[in-house]
């Protein structure tokens, strides 16, 4: 009996290692914007990209021809420093996360950023992904091909947007104040299209679900400003998401512990 228990324990241990093994969270994209003595327009540059595995540059989509997102200068007293001012409504700032060269886009992806909605407006914004960045043109549809989390400041809610359309129910997140940076993060699985582990301002958000976050829908990570809105962002991070054990795996882990304890008592 002891030999059978030992054999089964070894098999269980191997299965558990497979079930709970965690991937590293090395950054694919990571930003650190630093204000200098002049404003820094980011379009077509790698300004602030301290990690950039795909090797792309900042892409500006939709927006208006006079609105160029920039890192404020140290003398800019009207704006926070060390971040990106998206300047105008209906503007997209994105960067490629598609496989390129020696970099292979992972299946599970973690996205996080800090976003502020300034001034007295009924702001909307989006944090997520595009299959294709919208063409830069005046009064373009900024949410075309956007899949991500839609922020509605007037109603204090989050909602999933899939390929430019709002889907599912809304999730209330308490009062969203203007002029305050809020952290938002979530994980996606590009094989199943799921969105997981949504967090806003340090608290978990429930009720958001989708199967729209596929590999093709998530070629670019991006921040979007809605109509009649403004936004600043900072600390954008895209990384390979850590694999979290499923409840069934945790149950197996508990059983494995009981077996080890039983073997020790038998000795």
C-alpha atoms as a PDB file:
ATOM      1  CA  UNK A   1       0.000   0.000   0.000  1.00  0.00           C
ATOM      2  CA  UNK A   2       2.850   2.354   0.880  1.00  0.00           C
ATOM      3  CA  UNK A   3       4.432   1.884  -2.561  1.00  0.00           C
ATOM      4  CA  UNK A   4       1.104   2.626  -4.307  1.00  0.00           C
ATOM      5  CA  UNK A   5       0.644   5.808  -2.294  1.00  0.00           C
ATOM      6  CA  UNK A   6       4.191   6.902  -3.111  1.00  0.00           C
ATOM      7  CA  UNK A   7       3.692   6.302  -6.840  1.00  0.00           C
ATOM      8  CA  UNK A   8       0.356   8.144  -6.876  1.00  0.00           C
ATOM      9  CA  UNK A   9       1.879  11.037  -4.916  1.00  0.00           C
ATOM     10  CA  UNK A  10       4.675  11.425  -7.458  1.00  0.00           C
ATOM     11  CA  UNK A  11       2.184  11.445 -10.324  1.00  0.00           C
ATOM     12  CA  UNK A  12       0.034  13.987  -8.498  1.00  0.00           C
ATOM     13  CA  UNK A  13       3.061  16.167  -7.866  1.00  0.00           C
ATOM     14  CA  UNK A  14       3.957  16.183 -11.544  1.00  0.00           C
ATOM     15  CA  UNK A  15       0.393  17.115 -12.471  1.00  0.00           C
ATOM     16  CA  UNK A  16       0.384  19.922  -9.933  1.00  0.00           C
ATOM     17  CA  UNK A  17       3.608  21.374 -11.289  1.00  0.00           C
ATOM     18  CA  UNK A  18       1.962  21.517 -14.685  1.00  0.00           C
ATOM     19  CA  UNK A  19      -1.237  23.045 -13.291  1.00  0.00           C
ATOM     20  CA  UNK A  20       0.291  25.787 -11.147  1.00  0.00           C
ATOM     21  CA  UNK A  21       3.542  26.604 -12.944  1.00  0.00           C
ATOM     22  CA  UNK A  22       3.776  30.391 -13.257  1.00  0.00           C
ATOM     23  CA  UNK A  23       5.233  32.221 -16.206  1.00  0.00           C
ATOM     24  CA  UNK A  24       7.545  35.175 -15.647  1.00  0.00           C
ATOM     25  CA  UNK A  25       6.072  38.664 -15.925  1.00  0.00           C
ATOM     26  CA  UNK A  26       8.864  40.264 -17.901  1.00  0.00           C
ATOM     27  CA  UNK A  27       7.536  43.383 -19.588  1.00  0.00           C
ATOM     28  CA  UNK A  28       6.720  43.400 -23.287  1.00  0.00           C
ATOM     29  CA  UNK A  29       5.945  47.125 -23.149  1.00  0.00           C
ATOM     30  CA  UNK A  30       6.779  49.387 -20.207  1.00  0.00           C
ATOM     31  CA  UNK A  31       6.831  53.170 -20.026  1.00  0.00           C
ATOM     32  CA  UNK A  32       8.690  55.730 -17.960  1.00  0.00           C
ATOM     33  CA  UNK A  33       7.982  59.234 -19.245  1.00  0.00           C
ATOM     34  CA  UNK A  34      10.318  62.005 -18.079  1.00  0.00           C
ATOM     35  CA  UNK A  35       9.583  65.703 -18.554  1.00  0.00           C
ATOM     36  CA  UNK A  36      12.402  67.844 -19.916  1.00  0.00           C
ATOM     37  CA  UNK A  37      12.856  71.503 -20.797  1.00  0.00           C
ATOM     38  CA  UNK A  38      10.633  71.156 -23.866  1.00  0.00           C
ATOM     39  CA  UNK A  39       7.427  69.366 -24.833  1.00  0.00           C
ATOM     40  CA  UNK A  40       8.066  65.978 -26.430  1.00  0.00           C
ATOM     41  CA  UNK A  41       5.633  64.904 -29.148  1.00  0.00           C
ATOM     42  CA  UNK A  42       5.562  61.115 -29.048  1.00  0.00           C
ATOM     43  CA  UNK A  43       4.147  60.204 -32.480  1.00  0.00           C
ATOM     44  CA  UNK A  44       6.559  58.014 -34.452  1.00  0.00           C
ATOM     45  CA  UNK A  45       9.058  57.888 -31.572  1.00  0.00           C
ATOM     46  CA  UNK A  46       9.957  55.492 -28.772  1.00  0.00           C
ATOM     47  CA  UNK A  47       9.934  58.217 -26.110  1.00  0.00           C
ATOM     48  CA  UNK A  48       9.283  56.714 -22.688  1.00  0.00           C
ATOM     49  CA  UNK A  49       9.434  53.086 -23.864  1.00  0.00           C
ATOM     50  CA  UNK A  50      11.902  51.553 -21.415  1.00  0.00           C
ATOM     51  CA  UNK A  51      10.782  48.062 -22.488  1.00  0.00           C
ATOM     52  CA  UNK A  52       9.725  47.461 -26.082  1.00  0.00           C
ATOM     53  CA  UNK A  53      10.118  43.829 -27.134  1.00  0.00           C
ATOM     54  CA  UNK A  54       8.277  44.190 -30.484  1.00  0.00           C
ATOM     55  CA  UNK A  55      10.434  47.218 -31.360  1.00  0.00           C
ATOM     56  CA  UNK A  56       7.657  49.493 -32.634  1.00  0.00           C
ATOM     57  CA  UNK A  57       7.037  53.226 -32.241  1.00  0.00           C
ATOM     58  CA  UNK A  58       4.103  55.180 -30.857  1.00  0.00           C
ATOM     59  CA  UNK A  59       1.193  55.394 -33.288  1.00  0.00           C
ATOM     60  CA  UNK A  60      -1.431  58.138 -33.088  1.00  0.00           C
ATOM     61  CA  UNK A  61      -4.850  57.323 -34.497  1.00  0.00           C
ATOM     62  CA  UNK A  62      -8.102  59.212 -35.153  1.00  0.00           C
ATOM     63  CA  UNK A  63      -7.924  62.532 -33.258  1.00  0.00           C
ATOM     64  CA  UNK A  64      -7.555  65.962 -34.829  1.00  0.00           C
ATOM     65  CA  UNK A  65      -4.721  67.315 -36.934  1.00  0.00           C
ATOM     66  CA  UNK A  66      -3.856  69.980 -34.339  1.00  0.00           C
ATOM     67  CA  UNK A  67      -3.845  67.561 -31.395  1.00  0.00           C
ATOM     68  CA  UNK A  68      -0.443  65.931 -30.929  1.00  0.00           C
ATOM     69  CA  UNK A  69      -0.045  63.852 -27.737  1.00  0.00           C
ATOM     70  CA  UNK A  70       3.040  64.930 -25.817  1.00  0.00           C
ATOM     71  CA  UNK A  71       5.022  64.640 -22.610  1.00  0.00           C
ATOM     72  CA  UNK A  72       4.657  68.043 -20.878  1.00  0.00           C
ATOM     73  CA  UNK A  73       7.744  70.162 -20.317  1.00  0.00           C
ATOM     74  CA  UNK A  74       9.031  70.951 -16.849  1.00  0.00           C
ATOM     75  CA  UNK A  75       7.763  74.521 -17.320  1.00  0.00           C
ATOM     76  CA  UNK A  76       4.215  73.332 -18.141  1.00  0.00           C
ATOM     77  CA  UNK A  77       2.375  74.460 -15.040  1.00  0.00           C
ATOM     78  CA  UNK A  78      -1.059  73.523 -16.384  1.00  0.00           C
ATOM     79  CA  UNK A  79      -0.404  69.776 -16.592  1.00  0.00           C
ATOM     80  CA  UNK A  80       1.106  67.036 -14.448  1.00  0.00           C
ATOM     81  CA  UNK A  81       4.637  66.085 -15.489  1.00  0.00           C
ATOM     82  CA  UNK A  82       6.209  62.735 -16.413  1.00  0.00           C
ATOM     83  CA  UNK A  83       3.170  61.415 -18.307  1.00  0.00           C
ATOM     84  CA  UNK A  84       1.445  61.735 -21.715  1.00  0.00           C
ATOM     85  CA  UNK A  85      -1.147  64.424 -22.354  1.00  0.00           C
ATOM     86  CA  UNK A  86      -3.424  63.064 -25.100  1.00  0.00           C
ATOM     87  CA  UNK A  87      -4.453  66.682 -25.860  1.00  0.00           C
ATOM     88  CA  UNK A  88      -7.717  66.205 -27.763  1.00  0.00           C
ATOM     89  CA  UNK A  89     -10.907  64.175 -27.869  1.00  0.00           C
ATOM     90  CA  UNK A  90     -11.298  61.096 -30.090  1.00  0.00           C
ATOM     91  CA  UNK A  91      -7.581  60.335 -29.938  1.00  0.00           C
ATOM     92  CA  UNK A  92      -5.772  56.979 -29.861  1.00  0.00           C
ATOM     93  CA  UNK A  93      -2.222  56.378 -28.632  1.00  0.00           C
ATOM     94  CA  UNK A  94      -1.036  52.847 -29.369  1.00  0.00           C
ATOM     95  CA  UNK A  95       1.994  50.618 -29.785  1.00  0.00           C
ATOM     96  CA  UNK A  96       2.387  47.215 -31.411  1.00  0.00           C
ATOM     97  CA  UNK A  97       2.537  44.064 -29.277  1.00  0.00           C
ATOM     98  CA  UNK A  98       2.399  41.673 -32.267  1.00  0.00           C
ATOM     99  CA  UNK A  99       5.122  39.049 -32.683  1.00  0.00           C
ATOM    100  CA  UNK A 100       8.238  40.498 -34.278  1.00  0.00           C
ATOM    101  CA  UNK A 101      11.774  39.199 -34.813  1.00  0.00           C
ATOM    102  CA  UNK A 102      12.820  37.091 -31.834  1.00  0.00           C
ATOM    103  CA  UNK A 103       9.826  38.185 -29.750  1.00  0.00           C
ATOM    104  CA  UNK A 104       6.715  35.971 -29.729  1.00  0.00           C
ATOM    105  CA  UNK A 105       3.484  37.426 -28.388  1.00  0.00           C
ATOM    106  CA  UNK A 106       2.324  35.336 -25.406  1.00  0.00           C
ATOM    107  CA  UNK A 107      -1.070  33.698 -25.078  1.00  0.00           C
ATOM    108  CA  UNK A 108      -1.854  35.310 -21.720  1.00  0.00           C
ATOM    109  CA  UNK A 109      -1.313  39.054 -21.425  1.00  0.00           C
ATOM    110  CA  UNK A 110      -1.465  41.472 -18.494  1.00  0.00           C
ATOM    111  CA  UNK A 111      -2.258  45.134 -19.243  1.00  0.00           C
ATOM    112  CA  UNK A 112      -2.111  47.994 -16.757  1.00  0.00           C
ATOM    113  CA  UNK A 113      -1.892  51.770 -16.795  1.00  0.00           C
ATOM    114  CA  UNK A 114      -2.711  54.883 -14.792  1.00  0.00           C
ATOM    115  CA  UNK A 115      -5.237  57.244 -16.370  1.00  0.00           C
ATOM    116  CA  UNK A 116      -6.548  60.684 -15.413  1.00  0.00           C
ATOM    117  CA  UNK A 117      -9.647  62.387 -16.827  1.00  0.00           C
ATOM    118  CA  UNK A 118      -9.084  66.135 -16.292  1.00  0.00           C
ATOM    119  CA  UNK A 119     -11.368  69.184 -16.414  1.00  0.00           C
ATOM    120  CA  UNK A 120     -15.133  69.366 -15.942  1.00  0.00           C
ATOM    121  CA  UNK A 121     -16.506  67.089 -18.647  1.00  0.00           C
ATOM    122  CA  UNK A 122     -18.500  63.874 -18.936  1.00  0.00           C
ATOM    123  CA  UNK A 123     -15.432  61.887 -19.930  1.00  0.00           C
ATOM    124  CA  UNK A 124     -15.215  58.537 -21.654  1.00  0.00           C
ATOM    125  CA  UNK A 125     -12.042  56.606 -22.393  1.00  0.00           C
ATOM    126  CA  UNK A 126     -10.770  53.143 -23.217  1.00  0.00           C
ATOM    127  CA  UNK A 127      -7.839  51.024 -22.065  1.00  0.00           C
ATOM    128  CA  UNK A 128      -7.145  47.981 -24.189  1.00  0.00           C
ATOM    129  CA  UNK A 129      -6.265  46.823 -27.667  1.00  0.00           C
ATOM    130  CA  UNK A 130      -6.801  47.305 -31.394  1.00  0.00           C
ATOM    131  CA  UNK A 131      -6.624  44.907 -34.300  1.00  0.00           C
ATOM    132  CA  UNK A 132      -5.797  47.956 -36.444  1.00  0.00           C
ATOM    133  CA  UNK A 133      -5.175  51.507 -35.209  1.00  0.00           C
ATOM    134  CA  UNK A 134      -7.766  53.877 -36.746  1.00  0.00           C
ATOM    135  CA  UNK A 135      -6.500  56.153 -39.490  1.00  0.00           C
ATOM    136  CA  UNK A 136      -5.394  59.528 -38.220  1.00  0.00           C
ATOM    137  CA  UNK A 137      -8.024  61.928 -39.518  1.00  0.00           C
ATOM    138  CA  UNK A 138     -10.289  64.624 -38.122  1.00  0.00           C
ATOM    139  CA  UNK A 139     -13.474  63.360 -36.478  1.00  0.00           C
ATOM    140  CA  UNK A 140     -12.591  59.712 -37.128  1.00  0.00           C
ATOM    141  CA  UNK A 141     -14.304  56.937 -35.122  1.00  0.00           C
ATOM    142  CA  UNK A 142     -11.739  56.483 -32.363  1.00  0.00           C
ATOM    143  CA  UNK A 143     -13.233  53.194 -31.117  1.00  0.00           C
ATOM    144  CA  UNK A 144     -13.215  51.448 -34.503  1.00  0.00           C
ATOM    145  CA  UNK A 145     -11.666  47.980 -33.981  1.00  0.00           C
ATOM    146  CA  UNK A 146     -11.116  48.659 -30.242  1.00  0.00           C
ATOM    147  CA  UNK A 147     -11.431  45.742 -27.818  1.00  0.00           C
ATOM    148  CA  UNK A 148     -10.898  46.637 -24.189  1.00  0.00           C
ATOM    149  CA  UNK A 149     -12.420  48.265 -21.125  1.00  0.00           C
ATOM    150  CA  UNK A 150     -14.562  51.365 -21.661  1.00  0.00           C
ATOM    151  CA  UNK A 151     -14.522  53.940 -18.830  1.00  0.00           C
ATOM    152  CA  UNK A 152     -17.654  56.073 -18.357  1.00  0.00           C
ATOM    153  CA  UNK A 153     -16.811  58.837 -15.889  1.00  0.00           C
ATOM    154  CA  UNK A 154     -20.315  60.342 -15.825  1.00  0.00           C
ATOM    155  CA  UNK A 155     -21.890  57.045 -14.759  1.00  0.00           C
ATOM    156  CA  UNK A 156     -18.909  55.760 -12.729  1.00  0.00           C
ATOM    157  CA  UNK A 157     -18.860  52.479 -14.647  1.00  0.00           C
ATOM    158  CA  UNK A 158     -16.685  50.146 -16.669  1.00  0.00           C
ATOM    159  CA  UNK A 159     -17.901  48.036 -19.589  1.00  0.00           C
ATOM    160  CA  UNK A 160     -16.312  45.722 -22.139  1.00  0.00           C
ATOM    161  CA  UNK A 161     -16.053  46.973 -25.695  1.00  0.00           C
ATOM    162  CA  UNK A 162     -15.576  44.344 -28.428  1.00  0.00           C
ATOM    163  CA  UNK A 163     -14.455  45.504 -31.876  1.00  0.00           C
ATOM    164  CA  UNK A 164     -15.869  48.956 -31.208  1.00  0.00           C
ATOM    165  CA  UNK A 165     -19.220  47.902 -29.713  1.00  0.00           C
ATOM    166  CA  UNK A 166     -20.223  47.911 -26.050  1.00  0.00           C
ATOM    167  CA  UNK A 167     -21.170  44.412 -24.877  1.00  0.00           C
ATOM    168  CA  UNK A 168     -22.491  42.886 -21.664  1.00  0.00           C
ATOM    169  CA  UNK A 169     -23.414  44.739 -18.509  1.00  0.00           C
ATOM    170  CA  UNK A 170     -21.724  47.612 -16.729  1.00  0.00           C
ATOM    171  CA  UNK A 171     -19.717  47.382 -13.518  1.00  0.00           C
ATOM    172  CA  UNK A 172     -19.957  50.210 -10.985  1.00  0.00           C
ATOM    173  CA  UNK A 173     -16.621  51.310  -9.530  1.00  0.00           C
ATOM    174  CA  UNK A 174     -17.637  54.114  -7.179  1.00  0.00           C
ATOM    175  CA  UNK A 175     -17.211  57.799  -7.915  1.00  0.00           C
ATOM    176  CA  UNK A 176     -14.657  58.533 -10.638  1.00  0.00           C
ATOM    177  CA  UNK A 177     -13.246  61.960  -9.845  1.00  0.00           C
ATOM    178  CA  UNK A 178     -11.831  64.325 -12.427  1.00  0.00           C
ATOM    179  CA  UNK A 179      -8.209  65.307 -11.971  1.00  0.00           C
ATOM    180  CA  UNK A 180      -7.213  62.048 -10.235  1.00  0.00           C
ATOM    181  CA  UNK A 181      -5.003  59.291 -11.639  1.00  0.00           C
ATOM    182  CA  UNK A 182      -6.654  55.866 -11.396  1.00  0.00           C
ATOM    183  CA  UNK A 183      -4.945  52.536 -11.931  1.00  0.00           C
ATOM    184  CA  UNK A 184      -6.672  50.004 -14.166  1.00  0.00           C
ATOM    185  CA  UNK A 185      -5.459  46.521 -15.025  1.00  0.00           C
ATOM    186  CA  UNK A 186      -6.661  43.188 -16.329  1.00  0.00           C
ATOM    187  CA  UNK A 187      -5.491  39.958 -17.923  1.00  0.00           C
ATOM    188  CA  UNK A 188      -6.587  38.409 -21.202  1.00  0.00           C
ATOM    189  CA  UNK A 189      -6.277  34.960 -22.750  1.00  0.00           C
ATOM    190  CA  UNK A 190      -5.906  35.328 -26.506  1.00  0.00           C
ATOM    191  CA  UNK A 191      -6.775  31.669 -27.126  1.00  0.00           C
ATOM    192  CA  UNK A 192     -10.157  31.754 -25.372  1.00  0.00           C
ATOM    193  CA  UNK A 193     -10.666  35.515 -25.771  1.00  0.00           C
ATOM    194  CA  UNK A 194     -11.400  35.874 -22.051  1.00  0.00           C
ATOM    195  CA  UNK A 195     -10.897  38.943 -19.868  1.00  0.00           C
ATOM    196  CA  UNK A 196      -9.854  38.153 -16.295  1.00  0.00           C
ATOM    197  CA  UNK A 197      -8.770  39.753 -13.021  1.00  0.00           C
ATOM    198  CA  UNK A 198     -10.071  43.262 -13.716  1.00  0.00           C
ATOM    199  CA  UNK A 199      -8.891  45.814 -11.154  1.00  0.00           C
ATOM    200  CA  UNK A 200      -9.749  49.514 -10.848  1.00  0.00           C
ATOM    201  CA  UNK A 201      -8.159  51.850  -8.305  1.00  0.00           C
ATOM    202  CA  UNK A 202      -6.763  48.842  -6.458  1.00  0.00           C
ATOM    203  CA  UNK A 203     -10.087  47.008  -6.098  1.00  0.00           C
ATOM    204  CA  UNK A 204     -11.340  43.950  -8.013  1.00  0.00           C
ATOM    205  CA  UNK A 205     -14.151  44.531 -10.506  1.00  0.00           C
ATOM    206  CA  UNK A 206     -16.711  41.797 -11.137  1.00  0.00           C
ATOM    207  CA  UNK A 207     -19.298  41.347 -13.860  1.00  0.00           C
ATOM    208  CA  UNK A 208     -17.153  41.964 -16.944  1.00  0.00           C
ATOM    209  CA  UNK A 209     -16.904  39.034 -19.348  1.00  0.00           C
ATOM    210  CA  UNK A 210     -16.052  38.520 -23.004  1.00  0.00           C
ATOM    211  CA  UNK A 211     -14.520  36.133 -25.520  1.00  0.00           C
ATOM    212  CA  UNK A 212     -13.445  38.960 -27.845  1.00  0.00           C
ATOM    213  CA  UNK A 213      -9.799  39.316 -26.736  1.00  0.00           C
ATOM    214  CA  UNK A 214      -8.387  37.070 -29.440  1.00  0.00           C
ATOM    215  CA  UNK A 215      -4.903  37.185 -30.895  1.00  0.00           C
ATOM    216  CA  UNK A 216      -6.098  39.071 -33.963  1.00  0.00           C
ATOM    217  CA  UNK A 217      -8.051  41.611 -31.910  1.00  0.00           C
ATOM    218  CA  UNK A 218      -5.059  42.491 -29.729  1.00  0.00           C
ATOM    219  CA  UNK A 219      -2.275  43.470 -32.131  1.00  0.00           C
ATOM    220  CA  UNK A 220      -1.786  46.897 -30.505  1.00  0.00           C
ATOM    221  CA  UNK A 221      -2.019  48.034 -26.883  1.00  0.00           C
ATOM    222  CA  UNK A 222      -3.631  51.456 -26.645  1.00  0.00           C
ATOM    223  CA  UNK A 223      -5.306  54.236 -24.697  1.00  0.00           C
ATOM    224  CA  UNK A 224      -8.350  55.932 -26.253  1.00  0.00           C
ATOM    225  CA  UNK A 225     -10.030  59.256 -25.454  1.00  0.00           C
ATOM    226  CA  UNK A 226     -13.779  59.472 -26.106  1.00  0.00           C
ATOM    227  CA  UNK A 227     -15.734  62.302 -27.676  1.00  0.00           C
ATOM    228  CA  UNK A 228     -15.745  65.630 -25.773  1.00  0.00           C
ATOM    229  CA  UNK A 229     -13.162  64.117 -23.413  1.00  0.00           C
ATOM    230  CA  UNK A 230      -9.535  64.519 -22.402  1.00  0.00           C
ATOM    231  CA  UNK A 231      -7.066  62.131 -20.757  1.00  0.00           C
ATOM    232  CA  UNK A 232      -3.552  61.753 -19.420  1.00  0.00           C
ATOM    233  CA  UNK A 233      -1.841  58.384 -19.002  1.00  0.00           C
ATOM    234  CA  UNK A 234       1.297  57.006 -17.389  1.00  0.00           C
ATOM    235  CA  UNK A 235       2.891  53.703 -16.368  1.00  0.00           C
ATOM    236  CA  UNK A 236       1.589  51.656 -19.289  1.00  0.00           C
ATOM    237  CA  UNK A 237       2.707  48.042 -18.871  1.00  0.00           C
ATOM    238  CA  UNK A 238       2.032  45.047 -21.098  1.00  0.00           C
ATOM    239  CA  UNK A 239       3.484  41.787 -19.813  1.00  0.00           C
ATOM    240  CA  UNK A 240       3.070  38.056 -20.027  1.00  0.00           C
ATOM    241  CA  UNK A 241       0.395  37.273 -17.453  1.00  0.00           C
ATOM    242  CA  UNK A 242       1.127  34.963 -14.560  1.00  0.00           C
ATOM    243  CA  UNK A 243      -0.789  31.688 -14.747  1.00  0.00           C
ATOM    244  CA  UNK A 244      -3.025  31.402 -11.687  1.00  0.00           C
ATOM    245  CA  UNK A 245      -4.007  27.892 -10.529  1.00  0.00           C
ATOM    246  CA  UNK A 246      -7.647  26.980 -11.055  1.00  0.00           C
ATOM    247  CA  UNK A 247      -9.780  25.992  -8.019  1.00  0.00           C
ATOM    248  CA  UNK A 248      -9.576  22.337  -9.097  1.00  0.00           C
ATOM    249  CA  UNK A 249      -5.782  22.566  -9.018  1.00  0.00           C
ATOM    250  CA  UNK A 250      -5.900  24.011  -5.517  1.00  0.00           C
ATOM    251  CA  UNK A 251      -8.068  21.058  -4.464  1.00  0.00           C
ATOM    252  CA  UNK A 252      -5.481  18.667  -5.881  1.00  0.00           C
ATOM    253  CA  UNK A 253      -2.791  20.553  -4.002  1.00  0.00           C
ATOM    254  CA  UNK A 254      -4.704  20.010  -0.783  1.00  0.00           C
ATOM    255  CA  UNK A 255      -5.076  16.297  -1.519  1.00  0.00           C
ATOM    256  CA  UNK A 256      -1.377  16.068  -2.223  1.00  0.00           C
ATOM    257  CA  UNK A 257      -0.621  17.625   1.143  1.00  0.00           C
ATOM    258  CA  UNK A 258      -2.910  15.141   2.892  1.00  0.00           C
ATOM    259  CA  UNK A 259      -1.152  12.229   1.196  1.00  0.00           C
ATOM    260  CA  UNK A 260       2.262  13.493   2.277  1.00  0.00           C
ATOM    261  CA  UNK A 261       1.003  13.909   5.831  1.00  0.00           C
ATOM    262  CA  UNK A 262      -0.482  10.401   5.735  1.00  0.00           C
ATOM    263  CA  UNK A 263       2.800   8.894   4.520  1.00  0.00           C
ATOM    264  CA  UNK A 264       4.715  10.646   7.279  1.00  0.00           C
ATOM    265  CA  UNK A 265       2.307   9.380   9.940  1.00  0.00           C
ATOM    266  CA  UNK A 266       2.674   5.832   8.608  1.00  0.00           C
ATOM    267  CA  UNK A 267       6.419   6.016   9.166  1.00  0.00           C
END
